[in-house]
Amino acid sequence: MRAKTKTLIYSLIIMSVALLFNYGCRKSNSDYSSAKSVYKIAVLSDIHYMDPSLLPDTSSSAFKEYLKRDGKLLAESDAIMQEIISELLKAKPDLVLVPGDMTKDGELVSHWSMSEYLSQLINAGIKVRVIDGNHDIKNQHPYRYIGSKTEIVANIDTGLFKSIYANCGYRDALYTDPGSLSYVSEPLPGLWLISIDACKYWDGIPFDSMTGGRITQKTMTWICARLAEAETKGKMVFGMMHPGLINHFIDQDLLFKGFVVDRSLTVSDSLMNAGLRIMFTGHFHANDIVKKISGNEFLYDIETGSPIVYPCPYRMITYIKDSALIISSDSITHTDYPIPMGQTFSYYAKHKTQVNMDSMLTIDFTDSVMPYNIARKFAPRIRNAMMAHFAGDERLFSTHEMDSIDTTIARLGSNFSWLRPYCITLWNDLPPPDNSLMIYLKSGASFK
């Protein structure tokens, strides 16, 4: 079914439910006759914004060297962010959620610029809620790239994060966790958002080991107390944090360590049993949705990809108050960034992501498990699988791709047969669908 047809069907469903809801309000209590029952929520994750002042010249050899280990469209991030703000101002959602990694590497100047961009939404009457990601606070690599050299620039700590993003949740928080940056707000009537700080910078460990996330026991106790209170007050609750809460493909926590929160099975069980039904996440740069079920309990982890990694996505969600979420996905297909003549931005973004990822994966594999010449040959197979996962709704329909994987492994030799399941797990999407989905918030049922 074409995306526009789905959108039309969803719109008709929304209108019907809204009319029934409002009719019921008028019949039962005239005080609620003007109650709004349908809200629009945008989700924008892993922006990794790099302020242009950090890259005075895009031809910098130091920056080109850095990109060999990074698969993102960093030089393009300002142009992409300008386009995102433009599109959101036109769409006029009621709420924008940002589940972390707002900056490239926590540079103070990038945070200030991000705050200014988000202020454009706030000034237009759109509420914004943020939480930190592993790149945002006490980062040890906030650099400016000048020619062949890098210069360290100012980063930020937790106090400055709360100050810079005061208008994005902290100033009007109902509750704040004394042991982390977690907070509770009510951005929409009757909806509590628990924004969870799951970063590890509290340990004082160098940033290089801080890719992973955790929720401390004290913070978990605080979260469960807020969930219990929300239930007694009849509030709907959504969660938001940076790392994944549930594996988004088989063995994700083993194959890609650090992208699912520590003790994810225990943590997700605890949150689900405490009444949480929806968690918005990011971190792995994929548009992916997974569902956990235990008896009558359920929990959805709705991950949103990065707009500076092809296909440059963000999400637009319709929230039917207390009843359903209708999730759709959009992509940045145009920017003012100068690209080669004759190319669309989508083509440019896809090609550059492929090139950057091939380089990054080749270096990563060479550093860890295999010789360079073997890593270089296999990198495109992993890249194809990862980019399919990034886009969501991945399925290994292509026999050509499977043949390419098997042929490459056969040439590498039996010692590298373990690479086959490494690829296949990325290609095989766990249910439910990732890019278009309707979720019933009371029963947990969903359909595409």
Protein backbone atom coordinates (compact mmCIF):
# COMPACT_ATOMS: atom_id res chain seq x y z
CA MET A 1 0.00 0.00 0.00
CA ARG A 2 1.39 3.38 -1.00
CA ALA A 3 2.36 5.79 1.79
CA LYS A 4 -0.14 8.48 0.70
CA THR A 5 -2.98 5.94 0.70
CA LYS A 6 -2.02 4.81 4.19
CA THR A 7 -1.89 8.41 5.36
CA LEU A 8 -5.39 9.02 3.99
CA ILE A 9 -6.76 5.91 5.72
CA TYR A 10 -5.09 6.86 8.99
CA SER A 11 -6.46 10.40 8.71
CA LEU A 12 -10.00 9.06 8.28
CA ILE A 13 -9.54 6.84 11.33
CA ILE A 14 -8.24 9.78 13.36
CA MET A 15 -11.15 11.99 12.33
CA SER A 16 -13.69 9.32 13.18
CA VAL A 17 -12.19 8.60 16.60
CA ALA A 18 -11.88 12.30 17.37
CA LEU A 19 -15.49 12.99 16.45
CA LEU A 20 -16.71 10.11 18.62
CA PHE A 21 -14.49 11.24 21.50
CA ASN A 22 -15.63 14.85 21.38
CA TYR A 23 -19.28 13.83 20.97
CA GLY A 24 -18.95 11.72 24.10
CA CYS A 25 -17.44 14.65 25.98
CA ARG A 26 -20.29 16.93 25.00
CA LYS A 27 -22.85 14.35 26.04
CA SER A 28 -21.28 13.59 29.42
CA ASN A 29 -20.03 16.97 30.58
CA SER A 30 -20.33 20.32 28.87
CA ASP A 31 -17.13 21.50 30.59
CA TYR A 32 -15.18 19.24 28.26
CA SER A 33 -16.94 20.22 25.06
CA SER A 34 -13.83 21.93 23.74
CA ALA A 35 -11.40 19.23 24.87
CA LYS A 36 -8.76 18.35 22.30
CA SER A 37 -8.51 14.64 21.68
CA VAL A 38 -5.90 14.39 18.92
CA TYR A 39 -2.30 15.64 19.12
CA LYS A 40 0.66 15.57 16.76
CA ILE A 41 4.06 14.51 18.12
CA ALA A 42 7.32 14.69 16.16
CA VAL A 43 10.34 12.61 17.18
CA LEU A 44 13.79 13.77 16.16
CA SER A 45 16.75 11.76 17.45
CA ASP A 46 20.54 11.64 17.08
CA ILE A 47 20.89 14.98 15.32
CA HIS A 48 24.64 15.07 16.10
CA TYR A 49 24.62 18.74 15.21
CA MET A 50 28.04 20.21 14.37
CA ASP A 51 28.14 24.00 14.52
CA PRO A 52 29.66 25.41 11.29
CA SER A 53 32.27 27.32 13.32
CA LEU A 54 33.88 23.95 14.13
CA LEU A 55 34.60 23.35 10.46
CA PRO A 56 35.67 26.63 8.80
CA ASP A 57 36.83 24.70 5.72
CA THR A 58 35.17 21.43 4.68
CA SER A 59 38.37 20.46 2.87
CA SER A 60 40.20 20.16 6.20
CA SER A 61 42.46 17.10 6.05
CA ALA A 62 42.00 16.55 9.79
CA PHE A 63 38.22 16.38 9.32
CA LYS A 64 38.53 14.06 6.32
CA GLU A 65 40.68 11.77 8.43
CA TYR A 66 38.05 11.83 11.17
CA LEU A 67 35.29 10.90 8.69
CA LYS A 68 37.12 7.68 7.88
CA ARG A 69 35.85 6.44 11.25
CA ASP A 70 32.44 8.10 11.18
CA GLY A 71 29.43 7.28 9.00
CA LYS A 72 27.47 10.52 9.51
CA LEU A 73 26.76 13.58 7.38
CA LEU A 74 28.37 15.98 9.84
CA ALA A 75 29.37 18.81 7.52
CA GLU A 76 25.78 18.80 6.26
CA SER A 77 24.20 18.80 9.74
CA ASP A 78 23.49 22.55 9.87
CA ALA A 79 21.72 22.53 6.51
CA ILE A 80 19.78 19.41 7.55
CA MET A 81 18.76 21.02 10.83
CA GLN A 82 17.56 24.14 9.01
CA GLU A 83 15.36 21.97 6.80
CA ILE A 84 14.01 20.01 9.77
CA ILE A 85 13.00 23.20 11.57
CA SER A 86 11.36 24.51 8.40
CA GLU A 87 9.35 21.31 7.96
CA LEU A 88 8.31 21.17 11.61
CA LEU A 89 7.20 24.80 11.58
CA LYS A 90 4.97 23.94 8.62
CA ALA A 91 3.67 20.71 10.19
CA LYS A 92 3.01 22.44 13.54
CA PRO A 93 3.14 19.44 15.87
CA ASP A 94 2.00 19.96 19.43
CA LEU A 95 5.15 18.37 20.81
CA VAL A 96 8.67 17.53 19.61
CA LEU A 97 10.67 14.82 21.39
CA VAL A 98 14.48 14.64 21.12
CA PRO A 99 15.89 11.41 22.66
CA GLY A 100 19.53 12.51 22.90
CA ASP A 101 22.76 12.97 20.95
CA MET A 102 21.88 16.49 19.96
CA THR A 103 25.52 17.39 19.22
CA LYS A 104 28.47 15.84 17.45
CA ASP A 105 30.64 15.57 20.56
CA GLY A 106 29.12 17.79 23.24
CA GLU A 107 30.64 21.07 22.07
CA LEU A 108 29.28 24.08 23.95
CA VAL A 109 28.88 26.05 20.73
CA SER A 110 26.89 23.21 19.13
CA HIS A 111 24.59 22.98 22.17
CA TRP A 112 23.91 26.72 22.07
CA SER A 113 23.08 26.52 18.37
CA MET A 114 20.81 23.53 18.93
CA SER A 115 19.03 25.43 21.69
CA GLU A 116 18.48 28.35 19.31
CA TYR A 117 17.04 26.05 16.66
CA LEU A 118 14.67 24.42 19.16
CA SER A 119 13.69 27.87 20.43
CA GLN A 120 12.26 28.60 16.98
CA LEU A 121 9.79 25.78 17.58
CA ILE A 122 9.03 26.91 21.12
CA ASN A 123 8.44 30.49 19.96
CA ALA A 124 5.94 29.11 17.44
CA GLY A 125 3.96 27.48 20.26
CA ILE A 126 5.41 23.98 19.84
CA LYS A 127 6.50 22.28 23.03
CA VAL A 128 9.92 20.60 23.01
CA ARG A 129 11.26 17.93 25.38
CA VAL A 130 14.86 16.69 25.34
CA ILE A 131 17.09 14.24 27.18
CA ASP A 132 20.84 13.76 26.92
CA GLY A 133 22.67 11.17 24.83
CA ASN A 134 26.12 9.65 25.22
CA HIS A 135 27.70 12.32 22.96
CA ASP A 136 26.27 15.33 24.77
CA ILE A 137 27.82 15.72 28.23
CA LYS A 138 31.44 15.67 29.47
CA ASN A 139 32.57 14.49 26.06
CA GLN A 140 36.34 14.22 25.80
CA HIS A 141 36.49 14.95 22.06
CA PRO A 142 34.93 18.37 21.40
CA TYR A 143 37.08 19.48 18.47
CA ARG A 144 37.40 22.24 15.93
CA TYR A 145 38.98 21.16 12.62
CA ILE A 146 41.40 23.60 10.98
CA GLY A 147 43.43 22.31 8.07
CA SER A 148 45.52 19.39 9.27
CA LYS A 149 45.02 20.21 12.94
CA THR A 150 42.33 19.80 15.58
CA GLU A 151 41.72 22.24 18.41
CA ILE A 152 39.90 21.32 21.61
CA VAL A 153 36.88 23.52 22.36
CA ALA A 154 34.64 23.88 25.40
CA ASN A 155 32.26 21.05 26.31
CA ILE A 156 29.45 21.04 28.91
CA ASP A 157 28.52 19.34 32.19
CA THR A 158 25.13 18.32 33.55
CA GLY A 159 24.37 21.69 35.12
CA LEU A 160 24.99 23.54 31.88
CA PHE A 161 22.87 21.01 29.97
CA LYS A 162 19.90 21.77 32.22
CA SER A 163 20.51 25.49 31.84
CA ILE A 164 20.86 25.48 28.03
CA TYR A 165 17.74 23.33 27.59
CA ALA A 166 15.72 24.85 30.45
CA ASN A 167 12.84 25.64 28.08
CA CYS A 168 12.87 22.08 26.75
CA GLY A 169 11.48 20.34 29.81
CA TYR A 170 13.53 21.24 32.86
CA ARG A 171 11.98 24.60 33.73
CA ASP A 172 8.42 23.26 33.96
CA ALA A 173 9.26 19.74 35.18
CA LEU A 174 6.81 18.25 37.67
CA TYR A 175 9.58 16.15 39.20
CA THR A 176 13.35 15.89 38.79
CA ASP A 177 15.50 12.94 39.84
CA PRO A 178 18.16 14.08 42.34
CA GLY A 179 20.63 11.50 41.03
CA SER A 180 20.45 12.13 37.28
CA LEU A 181 19.09 14.42 34.58
CA SER A 182 15.82 12.46 34.50
CA TYR A 183 12.60 14.42 34.90
CA VAL A 184 8.82 14.18 34.54
CA SER A 185 6.76 16.75 32.65
CA GLU A 186 3.20 17.02 31.38
CA PRO A 187 3.67 18.43 27.87
CA LEU A 188 0.13 17.52 26.78
CA PRO A 189 -2.99 17.41 28.96
CA GLY A 190 -3.14 14.13 30.85
CA LEU A 191 0.15 12.87 29.38
CA TRP A 192 3.20 12.45 31.59
CA LEU A 193 6.56 12.13 29.84
CA ILE A 194 9.32 10.49 31.86
CA SER A 195 12.60 11.60 30.27
CA ILE A 196 15.26 9.18 31.51
CA ASP A 197 18.95 9.98 31.73
CA ALA A 198 20.58 6.63 30.94
CA CYS A 199 24.13 7.90 30.35
CA LYS A 200 27.22 6.66 32.19
CA TYR A 201 29.19 9.86 32.60
CA TRP A 202 28.45 9.74 36.32
CA ASP A 203 31.15 7.07 36.70
CA GLY A 204 33.95 9.46 35.86
CA ILE A 205 35.20 6.98 33.27
CA PRO A 206 36.82 8.37 30.08
CA PHE A 207 34.27 9.05 27.37
CA ASP A 208 35.66 6.38 25.03
CA SER A 209 33.96 3.71 27.17
CA MET A 210 30.69 5.61 27.49
CA THR A 211 28.83 4.36 24.41
CA GLY A 212 26.62 2.15 26.57
CA GLY A 213 23.88 3.25 28.91
CA ARG A 214 22.47 2.29 32.27
CA ILE A 215 19.73 3.24 34.69
CA THR A 216 20.97 3.22 38.27
CA GLN A 217 18.93 1.46 40.92
CA LYS A 218 18.13 4.79 42.63
CA THR A 219 16.88 6.27 39.39
CA MET A 220 14.87 3.11 38.65
CA THR A 221 13.21 3.38 42.06
CA TRP A 222 12.41 7.03 41.32
CA ILE A 223 10.94 6.13 37.89
CA CYS A 224 8.74 3.35 39.30
CA ALA A 225 7.44 5.73 41.98
CA ARG A 226 6.45 8.23 39.30
CA LEU A 227 4.73 5.49 37.28
CA ALA A 228 2.76 4.42 40.36
CA GLU A 229 1.71 8.01 41.00
CA ALA A 230 0.68 8.48 37.38
CA GLU A 231 -1.58 5.45 37.62
CA THR A 232 -3.33 6.77 40.73
CA LYS A 233 -3.85 10.13 39.00
CA GLY A 234 -5.12 8.59 35.78
CA LYS A 235 -2.26 9.89 33.63
CA MET A 236 -1.06 8.31 30.41
CA VAL A 237 2.73 7.86 30.53
CA PHE A 238 5.34 7.75 27.76
CA GLY A 239 9.05 7.26 28.37
CA MET A 240 12.02 8.73 26.49
CA MET A 241 15.70 7.84 26.76
CA HIS A 242 18.70 7.58 24.48
CA PRO A 243 19.85 3.91 24.42
CA GLY A 244 17.58 1.10 23.33
CA LEU A 245 15.46 -0.59 25.97
CA ILE A 246 14.83 -3.84 24.07
CA ASN A 247 16.92 -5.68 21.45
CA HIS A 248 15.88 -4.44 18.01
CA PHE A 249 17.34 -7.49 16.29
CA ILE A 250 18.46 -10.86 17.57
CA ASP A 251 21.58 -10.62 19.77
CA GLN A 252 21.92 -6.85 19.35
CA ASP A 253 23.27 -6.57 22.90
CA LEU A 254 25.99 -9.12 22.03
CA LEU A 255 26.89 -8.10 18.47
CA PHE A 256 26.78 -4.34 19.05
CA LYS A 257 27.63 -3.83 22.69
CA GLY A 258 26.59 -0.53 24.20
CA PHE A 259 23.50 0.22 22.12
CA VAL A 260 20.99 -1.42 24.47
CA VAL A 261 20.80 -0.30 28.09
CA ASP A 262 22.68 -2.48 30.59
CA ARG A 263 20.59 -5.29 32.10
CA SER A 264 17.98 -4.61 29.44
CA LEU A 265 15.89 -7.71 30.23
CA THR A 266 15.58 -6.77 33.91
CA VAL A 267 15.12 -3.05 33.25
CA SER A 268 12.44 -3.54 30.58
CA ASP A 269 10.61 -6.06 32.79
CA SER A 270 10.64 -3.62 35.71
CA LEU A 271 9.32 -0.73 33.63
CA MET A 272 6.69 -2.86 31.91
CA ASN A 273 5.46 -4.32 35.21
CA ALA A 274 5.33 -0.80 36.66
CA GLY A 275 2.93 0.22 33.90
CA LEU A 276 5.06 1.77 31.14
CA ARG A 277 3.74 0.97 27.67
CA ILE A 278 5.67 3.28 25.30
CA MET A 279 9.37 4.17 25.26
CA PHE A 280 10.93 6.46 22.64
CA THR A 281 14.64 5.78 22.02
CA GLY A 282 17.46 6.46 19.55
CA HIS A 283 21.21 5.72 19.66
CA PHE A 284 21.57 3.02 16.95
CA HIS A 285 20.40 5.39 14.17
CA ALA A 286 17.66 3.03 13.01
CA ASN A 287 13.95 3.50 12.40
CA ASP A 288 12.80 0.41 14.24
CA ILE A 289 9.97 -0.69 16.54
CA VAL A 290 9.94 -3.76 18.77
CA LYS A 291 7.40 -5.04 21.27
CA LYS A 292 7.85 -6.98 24.49
CA ILE A 293 4.99 -9.07 25.91
CA SER A 294 4.58 -10.81 29.26
CA GLY A 295 1.10 -12.13 30.01
CA ASN A 296 -1.25 -9.17 29.68
CA GLU A 297 1.60 -6.66 29.94
CA PHE A 298 3.28 -5.07 26.92
CA LEU A 299 5.97 -2.50 26.15
CA TYR A 300 6.94 -0.90 22.83
CA ASP A 301 10.44 0.47 22.14
CA ILE A 302 10.01 3.02 19.34
CA GLU A 303 13.46 3.89 18.02
CA THR A 304 13.98 6.79 15.63
CA GLY A 305 16.90 7.01 13.22
CA SER A 306 19.34 9.87 12.70
CA PRO A 307 18.58 12.65 10.19
CA ILE A 308 22.29 12.84 9.32
CA VAL A 309 22.48 9.17 8.32
CA TYR A 310 20.62 8.01 5.21
CA PRO A 311 17.62 7.85 4.81
CA CYS A 312 17.71 10.95 7.10
CA PRO A 313 14.48 10.13 8.97
CA TYR A 314 12.30 11.61 11.65
CA ARG A 315 8.89 10.52 12.86
CA MET A 316 5.47 12.15 12.87
CA ILE A 317 3.02 10.57 15.30
CA THR A 318 -0.66 11.17 15.87
CA TYR A 319 -1.64 10.65 19.49
CA ILE A 320 -5.33 9.96 20.04
CA LYS A 321 -5.68 10.85 23.69
CA ASP A 322 -5.42 7.81 25.97
CA SER A 323 -6.33 5.52 23.06
CA ALA A 324 -3.82 5.10 20.25
CA LEU A 325 -0.61 6.13 18.52
CA ILE A 326 -0.50 6.35 14.74
CA ILE A 327 3.14 6.33 13.72
CA SER A 328 4.46 7.46 10.36
CA SER A 329 7.98 8.21 9.16
CA ASP A 330 9.35 11.01 7.03
CA SER A 331 12.77 11.82 5.59
CA ILE A 332 14.77 14.89 4.73
CA THR A 333 14.93 14.92 0.93
CA HIS A 334 16.04 18.49 0.34
CA THR A 335 18.50 20.94 1.91
CA ASP A 336 20.37 24.06 0.88
CA TYR A 337 23.72 22.28 1.27
CA PRO A 338 25.75 22.52 -1.95
CA ILE A 339 25.81 19.12 -3.64
CA PRO A 340 27.14 18.03 -7.05
CA MET A 341 25.06 19.24 -9.97
CA GLY A 342 22.54 16.70 -11.21
CA GLN A 343 22.23 14.90 -7.85
CA THR A 344 19.25 14.95 -5.54
CA PHE A 345 19.97 15.32 -1.84
CA SER A 346 18.66 11.77 -1.23
CA TYR A 347 21.08 10.32 -3.78
CA TYR A 348 23.94 12.38 -2.35
CA ALA A 349 23.12 11.37 1.25
CA LYS A 350 22.84 7.68 0.37
CA HIS A 351 26.09 7.58 -1.59
CA LYS A 352 28.06 9.49 1.03
CA THR A 353 26.66 7.33 3.85
CA GLN A 354 27.74 4.22 1.93
CA VAL A 355 31.26 5.52 1.36
CA ASN A 356 31.67 6.69 4.96
CA MET A 357 30.35 3.44 6.41
CA ASP A 358 32.57 1.27 4.19
CA SER A 359 35.60 3.16 5.48
CA MET A 360 34.43 3.05 9.10
CA LEU A 361 33.60 -0.67 9.05
CA THR A 362 36.87 -1.57 7.29
CA ILE A 363 38.86 0.23 9.99
CA ASP A 364 36.75 -1.20 12.81
CA PHE A 365 37.13 -4.78 11.60
CA THR A 366 40.83 -4.30 10.90
CA ASP A 367 41.36 -3.01 14.42
CA SER A 368 39.58 -5.99 15.97
CA VAL A 369 39.21 -9.27 14.10
CA MET A 370 40.67 -9.47 10.61
CA PRO A 371 43.36 -8.29 8.17
CA TYR A 372 42.71 -5.10 6.22
CA ASN A 373 42.25 -6.74 2.81
CA ILE A 374 39.57 -9.08 4.21
CA ALA A 375 37.84 -6.31 6.14
CA ARG A 376 37.70 -4.15 3.00
CA LYS A 377 36.00 -6.93 1.04
CA PHE A 378 33.39 -7.70 3.66
CA ALA A 379 32.57 -4.13 4.76
CA PRO A 380 29.98 -3.55 1.97
CA ARG A 381 28.02 -6.65 3.07
CA ILE A 382 27.75 -5.38 6.65
CA ARG A 383 27.05 -1.87 5.36
CA ASN A 384 24.12 -3.07 3.23
CA ALA A 385 22.65 -4.92 6.20
CA MET A 386 23.08 -1.97 8.56
CA MET A 387 21.59 0.54 6.12
CA ALA A 388 18.62 -1.75 5.55
CA HIS A 389 18.11 -1.83 9.32
CA PHE A 390 18.52 1.95 9.54
CA ALA A 391 15.68 2.40 7.00
CA GLY A 392 13.36 -0.01 8.82
CA ASP A 393 11.05 -2.79 7.61
CA GLU A 394 14.11 -4.65 6.36
CA ARG A 395 13.64 -8.01 4.64
CA LEU A 396 16.24 -10.08 2.84
CA PHE A 397 14.20 -10.55 -0.34
CA SER A 398 17.23 -10.15 -2.57
CA THR A 399 18.78 -13.49 -3.45
CA HIS A 400 21.58 -11.47 -5.05
CA GLU A 401 22.49 -9.94 -1.68
CA MET A 402 22.41 -13.35 0.00
CA ASP A 403 24.57 -14.80 -2.77
CA SER A 404 26.99 -11.91 -2.36
CA ILE A 405 27.27 -12.58 1.37
CA ASP A 406 27.88 -16.31 0.83
CA THR A 407 30.34 -15.73 -2.02
CA THR A 408 32.34 -13.22 0.02
CA ILE A 409 32.50 -15.55 3.02
CA ALA A 410 33.53 -18.47 0.81
CA ARG A 411 36.43 -16.42 -0.53
CA LEU A 412 37.45 -15.38 2.98
CA GLY A 413 37.55 -18.96 4.25
CA SER A 414 35.85 -21.01 6.96
CA ASN A 415 37.43 -18.97 9.76
CA PHE A 416 35.04 -16.15 8.87
CA SER A 417 31.79 -18.14 8.60
CA TRP A 418 30.60 -16.33 11.74
CA LEU A 419 30.06 -13.23 9.60
CA ARG A 420 27.00 -14.76 7.90
CA PRO A 421 24.68 -14.68 10.94
CA TYR A 422 26.15 -11.26 11.75
CA CYS A 423 24.62 -10.00 8.48
CA ILE A 424 21.45 -12.07 8.54
CA THR A 425 20.34 -10.89 11.97
CA LEU A 426 20.40 -7.27 10.73
CA TRP A 427 18.38 -8.15 7.65
CA ASN A 428 15.64 -9.98 9.58
CA ASP A 429 13.30 -7.46 11.15
CA LEU A 430 11.63 -8.26 14.45
CA PRO A 431 7.91 -7.45 14.60
CA PRO A 432 5.99 -5.20 14.43
CA PRO A 433 6.44 -3.00 11.32
CA ASP A 434 8.80 -0.05 11.77
CA ASN A 435 7.69 2.92 9.68
CA SER A 436 3.88 2.89 9.64
CA LEU A 437 2.03 1.49 12.62
CA MET A 438 -1.08 2.05 14.72
CA ILE A 439 -0.80 1.01 18.38
CA TYR A 440 -3.78 0.66 20.69
CA LEU A 441 -2.56 1.92 24.05
CA LYS A 442 -4.95 -0.09 26.22
CA SER A 443 -4.68 -3.53 24.64
CA GLY A 444 -1.23 -3.28 23.03
CA ALA A 445 -2.59 -4.53 19.70
CA SER A 446 -1.17 -2.98 16.54
CA PHE A 447 -1.64 -3.04 12.81
CA LYS A 448 0.15 -1.60 9.80
